Amino acid sequence: MVLGTLTHTLTLEPDQFGKSYIMIPKLNYKLKKNQELKKDLEDRAFQENLNLISQEQYDHALAMSKSVLAHPLVQKIMKKGRPEASYFWEKDGQKLKARPDWVNGKYWMDLKTARNAKKSGFASACKEGGYHRRASFYTECAKFHGEEVDYLYALVNKTPPYQVGLYLLPPEALDIGKTQWEKALEDYTNYDPADAVYGFSRIIESVPVPDWALN
């Protein structure tokens, strides 16, 4: 999770890095002055509600970010546009929101880190992450705002040499995704709390814990 959001920030919103993260540099922490530095950085992260990351995490995400930004088609797409654009829309009386990672008028793009950024890995990610539903939902949002866009996924491998793949889902996949998210929206619209299936209990319970679990 940290790697994905950090790569996202360094790639799409590098100016936001200092507002979101504090990095603990790789130093010799046997030295007292470096121990004090680390403590000061940890205190600042806590006080300012910033994400504390290691030098290794930063270097890893930066290498992935550089690979993404070196891709010629990504460069072309990101030559204009803006990151994290919020779009509000409505369907069937429900207020909805979409927030693509990058928009430039012709393309909306999502950046994803992946164990496998090949086509086969993207196909698996569609099943695991519902990428077809997201792409359909977002393209329908664009149509609501009078925009005809192609929704792209930029996948970058988490391991060296951090290859990048750009993928577009075919219309039939988007149609299936649309059917699925529309059904989910219908279920949400028709939801009645009285029909809720509760878990193990409707009350707060006190649970005695055996000694072996406390030692």
N, C-alpha and C. Protein backbone atom coordinates (compact mmCIF):
# COMPACT_ATOMS: atom_id res chain seq x y z
N MET A 1 0.83 -1.21 0.00
CA MET A 1 0.00 0.00 0.00
C MET A 1 0.86 1.26 0.00
N VAL A 2 1.90 1.28 0.87
CA VAL A 2 2.79 2.44 0.95
C VAL A 2 3.50 2.64 -0.38
N LEU A 3 3.98 1.54 -0.98
CA LEU A 3 4.70 1.63 -2.23
C LEU A 3 3.83 2.21 -3.33
N GLY A 4 2.59 1.79 -3.40
CA GLY A 4 1.69 2.27 -4.43
C GLY A 4 1.38 3.76 -4.31
N THR A 5 1.02 4.20 -3.10
CA THR A 5 0.68 5.61 -2.93
C THR A 5 1.91 6.50 -3.07
N LEU A 6 3.06 6.00 -2.62
CA LEU A 6 4.30 6.78 -2.75
C LEU A 6 4.70 6.92 -4.21
N THR A 7 4.61 5.83 -4.97
CA THR A 7 4.91 5.89 -6.40
C THR A 7 3.95 6.83 -7.12
N HIS A 8 2.70 6.77 -6.72
CA HIS A 8 1.68 7.65 -7.28
C HIS A 8 2.05 9.11 -7.05
N THR A 9 2.43 9.44 -5.82
CA THR A 9 2.78 10.82 -5.50
C THR A 9 4.00 11.29 -6.28
N LEU A 10 5.05 10.49 -6.30
CA LEU A 10 6.29 10.89 -6.98
C LEU A 10 6.10 11.01 -8.49
N THR A 11 5.17 10.24 -9.04
CA THR A 11 4.94 10.27 -10.49
C THR A 11 3.99 11.39 -10.90
N LEU A 12 2.87 11.50 -10.20
CA LEU A 12 1.80 12.40 -10.63
C LEU A 12 1.75 13.72 -9.88
N GLU A 13 2.18 13.71 -8.62
CA GLU A 13 2.12 14.93 -7.80
C GLU A 13 3.40 15.10 -6.98
N PRO A 14 4.55 15.19 -7.63
CA PRO A 14 5.81 15.29 -6.87
C PRO A 14 5.87 16.50 -5.95
N ASP A 15 5.14 17.54 -6.29
CA ASP A 15 5.13 18.74 -5.44
C ASP A 15 4.42 18.50 -4.11
N GLN A 16 3.68 17.39 -4.02
CA GLN A 16 2.95 17.09 -2.79
C GLN A 16 3.74 16.19 -1.84
N PHE A 17 4.92 15.75 -2.29
CA PHE A 17 5.68 14.80 -1.47
C PHE A 17 5.97 15.35 -0.08
N GLY A 18 6.51 16.56 -0.02
CA GLY A 18 6.87 17.15 1.26
C GLY A 18 5.68 17.45 2.16
N LYS A 19 4.48 17.49 1.57
CA LYS A 19 3.27 17.75 2.36
C LYS A 19 2.65 16.46 2.89
N SER A 20 3.18 15.32 2.43
CA SER A 20 2.58 14.04 2.80
C SER A 20 3.54 13.09 3.50
N TYR A 21 4.86 13.27 3.25
CA TYR A 21 5.82 12.28 3.73
C TYR A 21 7.01 12.92 4.43
N ILE A 22 7.60 12.14 5.33
CA ILE A 22 8.91 12.45 5.89
C ILE A 22 9.76 11.19 5.73
N MET A 23 10.95 11.37 5.19
CA MET A 23 11.84 10.24 4.94
C MET A 23 12.92 10.16 6.01
N ILE A 24 13.10 8.95 6.54
CA ILE A 24 14.21 8.69 7.46
C ILE A 24 15.41 8.30 6.62
N PRO A 25 16.44 9.14 6.54
CA PRO A 25 17.59 8.83 5.68
C PRO A 25 18.38 7.62 6.17
N LYS A 26 19.08 7.01 5.25
CA LYS A 26 19.91 5.85 5.60
C LYS A 26 21.23 6.36 6.17
N LEU A 27 21.35 6.24 7.49
CA LEU A 27 22.53 6.74 8.19
C LEU A 27 23.01 5.70 9.20
N ASN A 28 24.12 5.98 9.81
CA ASN A 28 24.64 5.12 10.87
C ASN A 28 23.97 5.54 12.18
N TYR A 29 23.00 4.74 12.60
CA TYR A 29 22.24 5.12 13.79
C TYR A 29 22.88 4.65 15.10
N LYS A 30 24.11 4.21 15.01
CA LYS A 30 24.87 3.98 16.23
C LYS A 30 25.38 5.31 16.79
N LEU A 31 25.42 6.31 15.90
CA LEU A 31 25.88 7.64 16.32
C LEU A 31 24.74 8.39 16.99
N LYS A 32 25.04 9.05 18.09
CA LYS A 32 24.03 9.74 18.88
C LYS A 32 23.34 10.84 18.07
N LYS A 33 24.11 11.59 17.27
CA LYS A 33 23.51 12.70 16.52
C LYS A 33 22.49 12.19 15.49
N ASN A 34 22.75 11.01 14.94
CA ASN A 34 21.81 10.44 13.98
C ASN A 34 20.57 9.88 14.67
N GLN A 35 20.76 9.35 15.87
CA GLN A 35 19.62 8.90 16.67
C GLN A 35 18.71 10.07 17.00
N GLU A 36 19.32 11.20 17.33
CA GLU A 36 18.54 12.40 17.66
C GLU A 36 17.80 12.91 16.42
N LEU A 37 18.47 12.86 15.27
CA LEU A 37 17.83 13.28 14.03
C LEU A 37 16.60 12.42 13.74
N LYS A 38 16.77 11.11 13.88
CA LYS A 38 15.67 10.20 13.63
C LYS A 38 14.50 10.47 14.55
N LYS A 39 14.80 10.71 15.83
CA LYS A 39 13.75 11.01 16.81
C LYS A 39 13.02 12.30 16.44
N ASP A 40 13.76 13.32 15.99
CA ASP A 40 13.15 14.59 15.61
C ASP A 40 12.22 14.39 14.41
N LEU A 41 12.66 13.59 13.44
CA LEU A 41 11.83 13.34 12.26
C LEU A 41 10.58 12.55 12.62
N GLU A 42 10.72 11.58 13.51
CA GLU A 42 9.56 10.80 13.95
C GLU A 42 8.56 11.68 14.70
N ASP A 43 9.07 12.57 15.53
CA ASP A 43 8.20 13.49 16.28
C ASP A 43 7.46 14.42 15.33
N ARG A 44 8.17 14.93 14.33
CA ARG A 44 7.54 15.83 13.37
C ARG A 44 6.46 15.12 12.56
N ALA A 45 6.75 13.89 12.17
CA ALA A 45 5.77 13.11 11.42
C ALA A 45 4.50 12.92 12.24
N PHE A 46 4.66 12.65 13.52
CA PHE A 46 3.50 12.46 14.39
C PHE A 46 2.73 13.76 14.57
N GLN A 47 3.44 14.85 14.82
CA GLN A 47 2.80 16.14 15.09
C GLN A 47 2.09 16.69 13.86
N GLU A 48 2.66 16.47 12.67
CA GLU A 48 2.10 17.03 11.44
C GLU A 48 1.28 16.01 10.65
N ASN A 49 1.10 14.83 11.24
CA ASN A 49 0.31 13.77 10.62
C ASN A 49 0.83 13.43 9.22
N LEU A 50 2.15 13.22 9.14
CA LEU A 50 2.79 12.88 7.88
C LEU A 50 3.17 11.40 7.88
N ASN A 51 3.28 10.84 6.69
CA ASN A 51 3.66 9.45 6.54
C ASN A 51 5.17 9.32 6.67
N LEU A 52 5.59 8.44 7.56
CA LEU A 52 7.02 8.21 7.79
C LEU A 52 7.49 7.06 6.90
N ILE A 53 8.50 7.33 6.07
CA ILE A 53 9.01 6.29 5.17
C ILE A 53 10.53 6.18 5.31
N SER A 54 11.05 5.04 4.90
CA SER A 54 12.49 4.82 4.96
C SER A 54 13.15 5.26 3.65
N GLN A 55 14.46 5.41 3.70
CA GLN A 55 15.22 5.72 2.48
C GLN A 55 15.01 4.63 1.44
N GLU A 56 14.95 3.36 1.87
CA GLU A 56 14.76 2.25 0.94
C GLU A 56 13.41 2.33 0.25
N GLN A 57 12.37 2.68 0.99
CA GLN A 57 11.03 2.81 0.39
C GLN A 57 11.01 3.94 -0.63
N TYR A 58 11.66 5.06 -0.28
CA TYR A 58 11.72 6.19 -1.20
C TYR A 58 12.46 5.83 -2.47
N ASP A 59 13.62 5.21 -2.34
CA ASP A 59 14.43 4.84 -3.50
C ASP A 59 13.68 3.87 -4.41
N HIS A 60 12.97 2.93 -3.80
CA HIS A 60 12.20 1.95 -4.57
C HIS A 60 11.11 2.64 -5.38
N ALA A 61 10.32 3.48 -4.72
CA ALA A 61 9.23 4.18 -5.40
C ALA A 61 9.76 5.15 -6.46
N LEU A 62 10.87 5.80 -6.17
CA LEU A 62 11.44 6.75 -7.12
C LEU A 62 11.89 6.04 -8.39
N ALA A 63 12.50 4.86 -8.24
CA ALA A 63 12.93 4.09 -9.41
C ALA A 63 11.74 3.70 -10.27
N MET A 64 10.64 3.31 -9.63
CA MET A 64 9.43 2.96 -10.37
C MET A 64 8.84 4.19 -11.06
N SER A 65 8.83 5.30 -10.34
CA SER A 65 8.30 6.54 -10.91
C SER A 65 9.09 6.97 -12.13
N LYS A 66 10.42 6.89 -12.05
CA LYS A 66 11.26 7.28 -13.18
C LYS A 66 10.99 6.40 -14.40
N SER A 67 10.73 5.13 -14.15
CA SER A 67 10.43 4.21 -15.24
C SER A 67 9.12 4.58 -15.92
N VAL A 68 8.12 4.91 -15.12
CA VAL A 68 6.83 5.33 -15.68
C VAL A 68 6.99 6.59 -16.52
N LEU A 69 7.68 7.57 -15.97
CA LEU A 69 7.83 8.85 -16.64
C LEU A 69 8.75 8.77 -17.86
N ALA A 70 9.53 7.71 -17.97
CA ALA A 70 10.40 7.53 -19.13
C ALA A 70 9.67 6.89 -20.30
N HIS A 71 8.48 6.34 -20.04
CA HIS A 71 7.71 5.69 -21.10
C HIS A 71 7.23 6.75 -22.09
N PRO A 72 7.52 6.60 -23.39
CA PRO A 72 7.19 7.65 -24.36
C PRO A 72 5.70 7.98 -24.45
N LEU A 73 4.83 6.97 -24.32
CA LEU A 73 3.40 7.25 -24.41
C LEU A 73 2.89 7.93 -23.14
N VAL A 74 3.44 7.56 -22.00
CA VAL A 74 3.07 8.25 -20.77
C VAL A 74 3.50 9.71 -20.84
N GLN A 75 4.69 9.95 -21.37
CA GLN A 75 5.15 11.33 -21.54
C GLN A 75 4.19 12.13 -22.41
N LYS A 76 3.72 11.49 -23.47
CA LYS A 76 2.79 12.16 -24.38
C LYS A 76 1.47 12.47 -23.70
N ILE A 77 0.96 11.50 -22.93
CA ILE A 77 -0.31 11.68 -22.24
C ILE A 77 -0.21 12.76 -21.16
N MET A 78 0.93 12.78 -20.46
CA MET A 78 1.08 13.71 -19.34
C MET A 78 1.67 15.06 -19.76
N LYS A 79 1.85 15.23 -21.07
CA LYS A 79 2.36 16.52 -21.55
C LYS A 79 1.39 17.63 -21.23
N LYS A 80 0.10 17.28 -21.20
CA LYS A 80 -0.91 18.24 -20.77
C LYS A 80 -1.90 17.51 -19.87
N GLY A 81 -2.70 18.28 -19.17
CA GLY A 81 -3.68 17.68 -18.27
C GLY A 81 -3.33 17.95 -16.82
N ARG A 82 -4.00 17.21 -15.93
CA ARG A 82 -3.80 17.43 -14.50
C ARG A 82 -4.10 16.15 -13.74
N PRO A 83 -3.49 16.02 -12.54
CA PRO A 83 -3.73 14.82 -11.73
C PRO A 83 -4.91 14.99 -10.79
N GLU A 84 -5.44 13.86 -10.35
CA GLU A 84 -6.43 13.82 -9.27
C GLU A 84 -7.59 14.81 -9.49
N ALA A 85 -8.20 14.74 -10.65
CA ALA A 85 -9.34 15.61 -10.94
C ALA A 85 -10.62 14.94 -10.45
N SER A 86 -11.42 15.65 -9.68
CA SER A 86 -12.66 15.10 -9.14
C SER A 86 -13.83 15.45 -10.05
N TYR A 87 -14.62 14.44 -10.39
CA TYR A 87 -15.82 14.62 -11.21
C TYR A 87 -17.02 14.10 -10.42
N PHE A 88 -18.03 14.94 -10.28
CA PHE A 88 -19.25 14.55 -9.59
C PHE A 88 -20.37 14.36 -10.60
N TRP A 89 -21.16 13.31 -10.39
CA TRP A 89 -22.24 13.05 -11.33
C TRP A 89 -23.36 12.30 -10.64
N GLU A 90 -24.45 12.05 -11.37
CA GLU A 90 -25.61 11.39 -10.79
C GLU A 90 -26.12 10.29 -11.71
N LYS A 91 -26.65 9.26 -11.11
CA LYS A 91 -27.32 8.20 -11.86
C LYS A 91 -28.37 7.56 -10.96
N ASP A 92 -29.55 7.42 -11.49
CA ASP A 92 -30.66 6.80 -10.75
C ASP A 92 -30.87 7.44 -9.39
N GLY A 93 -30.70 8.76 -9.36
CA GLY A 93 -30.94 9.50 -8.11
C GLY A 93 -29.80 9.46 -7.12
N GLN A 94 -28.72 8.76 -7.45
CA GLN A 94 -27.58 8.67 -6.53
C GLN A 94 -26.47 9.63 -6.96
N LYS A 95 -25.92 10.32 -5.99
CA LYS A 95 -24.79 11.22 -6.26
C LYS A 95 -23.50 10.40 -6.26
N LEU A 96 -22.72 10.52 -7.34
CA LEU A 96 -21.54 9.70 -7.52
C LEU A 96 -20.31 10.57 -7.75
N LYS A 97 -19.15 9.96 -7.60
CA LYS A 97 -17.88 10.69 -7.77
C LYS A 97 -16.85 9.80 -8.45
N ALA A 98 -16.09 10.40 -9.34
CA ALA A 98 -14.95 9.72 -9.97
C ALA A 98 -13.72 10.60 -9.79
N ARG A 99 -12.57 9.96 -9.60
CA ARG A 99 -11.33 10.72 -9.39
C ARG A 99 -10.18 10.00 -10.09
N PRO A 100 -10.10 10.14 -11.41
CA PRO A 100 -9.00 9.50 -12.14
C PRO A 100 -7.65 10.10 -11.76
N ASP A 101 -6.60 9.28 -11.92
CA ASP A 101 -5.27 9.74 -11.56
C ASP A 101 -4.77 10.86 -12.46
N TRP A 102 -5.14 10.77 -13.75
CA TRP A 102 -4.70 11.81 -14.69
C TRP A 102 -5.76 12.00 -15.77
N VAL A 103 -6.05 13.24 -16.12
CA VAL A 103 -6.99 13.55 -17.21
C VAL A 103 -6.34 14.55 -18.15
N ASN A 104 -6.58 14.37 -19.44
CA ASN A 104 -6.04 15.35 -20.40
C ASN A 104 -7.00 15.65 -21.54
N GLY A 105 -8.27 15.32 -21.37
CA GLY A 105 -9.25 15.59 -22.42
C GLY A 105 -9.54 14.39 -23.29
N LYS A 106 -8.50 13.71 -23.77
CA LYS A 106 -8.68 12.52 -24.60
C LYS A 106 -8.58 11.25 -23.78
N TYR A 107 -7.72 11.27 -22.77
CA TYR A 107 -7.50 10.09 -21.96
C TYR A 107 -7.74 10.39 -20.48
N TRP A 108 -8.31 9.40 -19.79
CA TRP A 108 -8.25 9.35 -18.33
C TRP A 108 -7.36 8.16 -18.02
N MET A 109 -6.44 8.33 -17.08
CA MET A 109 -5.44 7.28 -16.82
C MET A 109 -5.34 6.97 -15.34
N ASP A 110 -5.19 5.69 -15.06
CA ASP A 110 -4.96 5.21 -13.70
C ASP A 110 -3.57 4.58 -13.64
N LEU A 111 -2.81 4.91 -12.60
CA LEU A 111 -1.48 4.33 -12.41
C LEU A 111 -1.56 3.24 -11.34
N LYS A 112 -1.07 2.05 -11.67
CA LYS A 112 -1.10 0.93 -10.74
C LYS A 112 0.28 0.28 -10.66
N THR A 113 0.70 -0.05 -9.44
CA THR A 113 1.89 -0.88 -9.27
C THR A 113 1.45 -2.34 -9.34
N ALA A 114 2.32 -3.20 -9.85
CA ALA A 114 1.91 -4.59 -10.09
C ALA A 114 3.05 -5.57 -9.90
N ARG A 115 2.71 -6.76 -9.46
CA ARG A 115 3.70 -7.84 -9.43
C ARG A 115 4.02 -8.30 -10.84
N ASN A 116 3.05 -8.16 -11.74
CA ASN A 116 3.22 -8.56 -13.13
C ASN A 116 2.53 -7.53 -14.01
N ALA A 117 3.31 -6.69 -14.68
CA ALA A 117 2.75 -5.62 -15.51
C ALA A 117 2.57 -6.05 -16.97
N LYS A 118 2.78 -7.34 -17.25
CA LYS A 118 2.52 -7.85 -18.59
C LYS A 118 1.02 -7.91 -18.84
N LYS A 119 0.63 -8.21 -20.09
CA LYS A 119 -0.79 -8.32 -20.42
C LYS A 119 -1.47 -9.39 -19.57
N SER A 120 -0.78 -10.49 -19.34
CA SER A 120 -1.36 -11.56 -18.53
C SER A 120 -1.61 -11.09 -17.10
N GLY A 121 -0.69 -10.28 -16.58
CA GLY A 121 -0.85 -9.75 -15.23
C GLY A 121 -2.00 -8.76 -15.16
N PHE A 122 -2.16 -7.98 -16.21
CA PHE A 122 -3.27 -7.03 -16.24
C PHE A 122 -4.60 -7.76 -16.26
N ALA A 123 -4.68 -8.85 -17.03
CA ALA A 123 -5.91 -9.64 -17.09
C ALA A 123 -6.26 -10.18 -15.70
N SER A 124 -5.25 -10.66 -14.98
CA SER A 124 -5.50 -11.17 -13.62
C SER A 124 -5.93 -10.04 -12.69
N ALA A 125 -5.32 -8.86 -12.86
CA ALA A 125 -5.66 -7.72 -12.01
C ALA A 125 -7.10 -7.27 -12.24
N CYS A 126 -7.59 -7.44 -13.47
CA CYS A 126 -8.98 -7.09 -13.77
C CYS A 126 -9.93 -7.92 -12.91
N LYS A 127 -9.61 -9.19 -12.77
CA LYS A 127 -10.44 -10.09 -11.96
C LYS A 127 -10.32 -9.74 -10.48
N GLU A 128 -9.09 -9.52 -10.02
CA GLU A 128 -8.86 -9.27 -8.60
C GLU A 128 -9.33 -7.87 -8.18
N GLY A 129 -9.11 -6.88 -9.05
CA GLY A 129 -9.40 -5.51 -8.67
C GLY A 129 -10.60 -4.88 -9.34
N GLY A 130 -11.28 -5.63 -10.20
CA GLY A 130 -12.45 -5.08 -10.87
C GLY A 130 -12.12 -3.91 -11.78
N TYR A 131 -10.99 -3.98 -12.46
CA TYR A 131 -10.57 -2.86 -13.31
C TYR A 131 -11.58 -2.57 -14.41
N HIS A 132 -12.27 -3.60 -14.90
CA HIS A 132 -13.27 -3.38 -15.95
C HIS A 132 -14.46 -2.59 -15.42
N ARG A 133 -14.81 -2.81 -14.16
CA ARG A 133 -15.91 -2.05 -13.57
C ARG A 133 -15.50 -0.59 -13.39
N ARG A 134 -14.30 -0.38 -12.90
CA ARG A 134 -13.81 0.99 -12.69
C ARG A 134 -13.73 1.75 -14.01
N ALA A 135 -13.16 1.11 -15.03
CA ALA A 135 -13.03 1.79 -16.33
C ALA A 135 -14.39 2.15 -16.90
N SER A 136 -15.36 1.24 -16.78
CA SER A 136 -16.71 1.51 -17.28
C SER A 136 -17.36 2.64 -16.50
N PHE A 137 -17.24 2.58 -15.18
CA PHE A 137 -17.83 3.62 -14.32
C PHE A 137 -17.28 4.99 -14.67
N TYR A 138 -15.96 5.06 -14.88
CA TYR A 138 -15.32 6.34 -15.16
C TYR A 138 -15.65 6.86 -16.55
N THR A 139 -15.72 5.97 -17.54
CA THR A 139 -16.07 6.44 -18.88
C THR A 139 -17.52 6.91 -18.93
N GLU A 140 -18.40 6.27 -18.15
CA GLU A 140 -19.79 6.73 -18.08
C GLU A 140 -19.86 8.10 -17.40
N CYS A 141 -19.02 8.30 -16.40
CA CYS A 141 -18.94 9.61 -15.75
C CYS A 141 -18.49 10.67 -16.75
N ALA A 142 -17.49 10.33 -17.57
CA ALA A 142 -17.02 11.28 -18.58
C ALA A 142 -18.13 11.64 -19.55
N LYS A 143 -18.91 10.65 -19.97
CA LYS A 143 -20.04 10.90 -20.89
C LYS A 143 -21.06 11.83 -20.24
N PHE A 144 -21.29 11.65 -18.94
CA PHE A 144 -22.22 12.52 -18.21
C PHE A 144 -21.78 13.97 -18.31
N HIS A 145 -20.46 14.17 -18.35
CA HIS A 145 -19.91 15.53 -18.45
C HIS A 145 -19.64 15.95 -19.90
N GLY A 146 -20.15 15.17 -20.84
CA GLY A 146 -20.00 15.52 -22.24
C GLY A 146 -18.64 15.23 -22.82
N GLU A 147 -17.89 14.33 -22.19
CA GLU A 147 -16.55 13.97 -22.67
C GLU A 147 -16.52 12.53 -23.16
N GLU A 148 -15.87 12.32 -24.29
CA GLU A 148 -15.63 10.98 -24.79
C GLU A 148 -14.15 10.67 -24.58
N VAL A 149 -13.85 9.76 -23.67
CA VAL A 149 -12.45 9.50 -23.33
C VAL A 149 -12.15 8.01 -23.43
N ASP A 150 -10.88 7.71 -23.59
CA ASP A 150 -10.38 6.34 -23.44
C ASP A 150 -9.78 6.23 -22.04
N TYR A 151 -10.18 5.17 -21.34
CA TYR A 151 -9.68 4.99 -19.98
C TYR A 151 -8.51 4.01 -20.00
N LEU A 152 -7.34 4.49 -19.63
CA LEU A 152 -6.11 3.70 -19.69
C LEU A 152 -5.64 3.29 -18.31
N TYR A 153 -4.98 2.14 -18.27
CA TYR A 153 -4.27 1.71 -17.07
C TYR A 153 -2.78 1.67 -17.39
N ALA A 154 -2.00 2.35 -16.58
CA ALA A 154 -0.55 2.27 -16.67
C ALA A 154 -0.06 1.40 -15.52
N LEU A 155 0.47 0.24 -15.85
CA LEU A 155 0.99 -0.68 -14.84
C LEU A 155 2.51 -0.65 -14.83
N VAL A 156 3.09 -0.63 -13.65
CA VAL A 156 4.54 -0.67 -13.52
C VAL A 156 4.93 -1.81 -12.58
N ASN A 157 5.89 -2.60 -13.00
CA ASN A 157 6.36 -3.71 -12.18
C ASN A 157 7.00 -3.21 -10.88
N LYS A 158 6.79 -3.98 -9.82
CA LYS A 158 7.36 -3.62 -8.52
C LYS A 158 8.82 -4.04 -8.40
N THR A 159 9.29 -4.83 -9.35
CA THR A 159 10.66 -5.33 -9.29
C THR A 159 11.45 -4.84 -10.50
N PRO A 160 12.79 -4.69 -10.37
CA PRO A 160 13.62 -4.24 -11.48
C PRO A 160 13.47 -5.17 -12.68
N PRO A 161 13.54 -4.63 -13.89
CA PRO A 161 13.84 -3.23 -14.25
C PRO A 161 12.60 -2.33 -14.32
N TYR A 162 11.54 -2.66 -13.61
CA TYR A 162 10.36 -1.81 -13.49
C TYR A 162 9.70 -1.50 -14.85
N GLN A 163 9.44 -2.57 -15.62
CA GLN A 163 8.80 -2.37 -16.92
C GLN A 163 7.39 -1.80 -16.76
N VAL A 164 6.97 -1.09 -17.80
CA VAL A 164 5.67 -0.40 -17.79
C VAL A 164 4.82 -0.91 -18.95
N GLY A 165 3.54 -1.13 -18.67
CA GLY A 165 2.60 -1.49 -19.72
C GLY A 165 1.40 -0.55 -19.69
N LEU A 166 0.92 -0.16 -20.87
CA LEU A 166 -0.28 0.68 -20.99
C LEU A 166 -1.39 -0.16 -21.60
N TYR A 167 -2.54 -0.19 -20.92
CA TYR A 167 -3.60 -1.10 -21.36
C TYR A 167 -4.96 -0.40 -21.45
N LEU A 168 -5.70 -0.83 -22.44
CA LEU A 168 -7.04 -0.31 -22.71
C LEU A 168 -7.98 -1.50 -22.79
N LEU A 169 -9.10 -1.43 -22.10
CA LEU A 169 -10.06 -2.54 -22.12
C LEU A 169 -10.99 -2.44 -23.32
N PRO A 170 -11.32 -3.56 -23.96
CA PRO A 170 -12.21 -3.55 -25.13
C PRO A 170 -13.66 -3.28 -24.72
N PRO A 171 -14.50 -2.86 -25.67
CA PRO A 171 -15.89 -2.51 -25.37
C PRO A 171 -16.66 -3.61 -24.65
N GLU A 172 -16.43 -4.89 -25.03
CA GLU A 172 -17.18 -5.97 -24.40
C GLU A 172 -16.85 -6.10 -22.91
N ALA A 173 -15.61 -5.82 -22.54
CA ALA A 173 -15.23 -5.86 -21.13
C ALA A 173 -15.88 -4.70 -20.37
N LEU A 174 -15.93 -3.54 -21.02
CA LEU A 174 -16.58 -2.39 -20.39
C LEU A 174 -18.07 -2.63 -20.22
N ASP A 175 -18.69 -3.30 -21.18
CA ASP A 175 -20.12 -3.60 -21.08
C ASP A 175 -20.41 -4.51 -19.89
N ILE A 176 -19.56 -5.51 -19.70
CA ILE A 176 -19.72 -6.41 -18.55
C ILE A 176 -19.51 -5.64 -17.25
N GLY A 177 -18.49 -4.80 -17.24
CA GLY A 177 -18.24 -3.98 -16.06
C GLY A 177 -19.41 -3.07 -15.74
N LYS A 178 -20.01 -2.50 -16.78
CA LYS A 178 -21.15 -1.61 -16.57
C LYS A 178 -22.33 -2.36 -15.96
N THR A 179 -22.59 -3.56 -16.47
CA THR A 179 -23.67 -4.37 -15.91
C THR A 179 -23.44 -4.65 -14.43
N GLN A 180 -22.19 -4.90 -14.08
CA GLN A 180 -21.87 -5.24 -12.69
C GLN A 180 -21.99 -4.05 -11.75
N TRP A 181 -21.44 -2.88 -12.16
CA TRP A 181 -21.52 -1.76 -11.24
C TRP A 181 -22.93 -1.18 -11.18
N GLU A 182 -23.68 -1.30 -12.27
CA GLU A 182 -25.07 -0.84 -12.23
C GLU A 182 -25.90 -1.71 -11.29
N LYS A 183 -25.61 -3.02 -11.27
CA LYS A 183 -26.31 -3.91 -10.33
C LYS A 183 -25.94 -3.55 -8.89
N ALA A 184 -24.66 -3.25 -8.66
CA ALA A 184 -24.24 -2.85 -7.32
C ALA A 184 -24.93 -1.55 -6.90
N LEU A 185 -25.06 -0.62 -7.83
CA LEU A 185 -25.73 0.64 -7.54
C LEU A 185 -27.20 0.42 -7.25
N GLU A 186 -27.81 -0.48 -8.00
CA GLU A 186 -29.22 -0.82 -7.76
C GLU A 186 -29.40 -1.42 -6.37
N ASP A 187 -28.50 -2.34 -5.99
CA ASP A 187 -28.57 -2.94 -4.66
C ASP A 187 -28.43 -1.88 -3.57
N TYR A 188 -27.51 -0.94 -3.80
CA TYR A 188 -27.30 0.12 -2.81
C TYR A 188 -28.54 1.01 -2.72
N THR A 189 -29.13 1.34 -3.88
CA THR A 189 -30.31 2.22 -3.90
C THR A 189 -31.47 1.57 -3.16
N ASN A 190 -31.61 0.26 -3.31
CA ASN A 190 -32.74 -0.46 -2.71
C ASN A 190 -32.43 -1.00 -1.32
N TYR A 191 -31.27 -0.66 -0.79
CA TYR A 191 -30.87 -1.20 0.52
C TYR A 191 -31.79 -0.70 1.62
N ASP A 192 -32.19 -1.61 2.47
CA ASP A 192 -33.00 -1.29 3.64
C ASP A 192 -32.27 -1.83 4.86
N PRO A 193 -31.89 -0.96 5.82
CA PRO A 193 -31.18 -1.42 7.01
C PRO A 193 -31.89 -2.56 7.74
N ALA A 194 -33.20 -2.60 7.60
CA ALA A 194 -33.96 -3.66 8.28
C ALA A 194 -33.63 -5.04 7.72
N ASP A 195 -33.10 -5.05 6.48
CA ASP A 195 -32.76 -6.33 5.86
C ASP A 195 -31.31 -6.76 6.14
N ALA A 196 -30.61 -5.97 6.93
CA ALA A 196 -29.18 -6.24 7.16
C ALA A 196 -28.98 -7.60 7.83
N VAL A 197 -27.97 -8.31 7.38
CA VAL A 197 -27.58 -9.57 8.01
C VAL A 197 -26.47 -9.27 9.00
N TYR A 198 -26.76 -9.44 10.28
CA TYR A 198 -25.77 -9.11 11.30
C TYR A 198 -24.72 -10.20 11.41
N GLY A 199 -23.62 -9.86 12.04
CA GLY A 199 -22.53 -10.81 12.20
C GLY A 199 -22.79 -11.77 13.35
N PHE A 200 -21.87 -11.87 14.27
CA PHE A 200 -22.00 -12.84 15.36
C PHE A 200 -22.91 -12.35 16.48
N SER A 201 -23.08 -11.03 16.59
CA SER A 201 -23.87 -10.52 17.70
C SER A 201 -24.43 -9.15 17.37
N ARG A 202 -25.58 -8.84 17.97
CA ARG A 202 -26.17 -7.51 17.81
C ARG A 202 -25.80 -6.61 18.99
N ILE A 203 -25.04 -7.15 19.94
CA ILE A 203 -24.67 -6.38 21.13
C ILE A 203 -23.14 -6.39 21.28
N ILE A 204 -22.64 -5.48 22.14
CA ILE A 204 -21.22 -5.48 22.48
C ILE A 204 -21.00 -6.49 23.58
N GLU A 205 -20.05 -7.40 23.37
CA GLU A 205 -19.83 -8.47 24.33
C GLU A 205 -18.45 -8.36 24.98
N SER A 206 -18.38 -8.77 26.24
CA SER A 206 -17.11 -8.87 26.96
C SER A 206 -16.57 -10.29 26.75
N VAL A 207 -15.33 -10.39 26.32
CA VAL A 207 -14.76 -11.70 25.98
C VAL A 207 -13.62 -12.03 26.94
N PRO A 208 -13.76 -13.09 27.73
CA PRO A 208 -12.64 -13.53 28.59
C PRO A 208 -11.52 -14.10 27.73
N VAL A 209 -10.29 -13.73 28.03
CA VAL A 209 -9.15 -14.16 27.23
C VAL A 209 -8.30 -15.11 28.06
N PRO A 210 -8.01 -16.31 27.55
CA PRO A 210 -7.20 -17.28 28.31
C PRO A 210 -5.77 -16.78 28.53
N ASP A 211 -5.13 -17.33 29.55
CA ASP A 211 -3.79 -16.89 29.90
C ASP A 211 -2.80 -17.05 28.74
N TRP A 212 -2.93 -18.14 27.97
CA TRP A 212 -1.97 -18.38 26.90
C TRP A 212 -2.00 -17.30 25.83
N ALA A 213 -3.14 -16.63 25.71
CA ALA A 213 -3.26 -15.58 24.70
C ALA A 213 -2.71 -14.24 25.18
N LEU A 214 -2.46 -14.16 26.49
CA LEU A 214 -1.96 -12.91 27.05
C LEU A 214 -0.47 -12.93 27.31
N ASN A 215 0.16 -14.07 27.13
CA ASN A 215 1.59 -14.19 27.42
C ASN A 215 2.40 -14.34 26.14
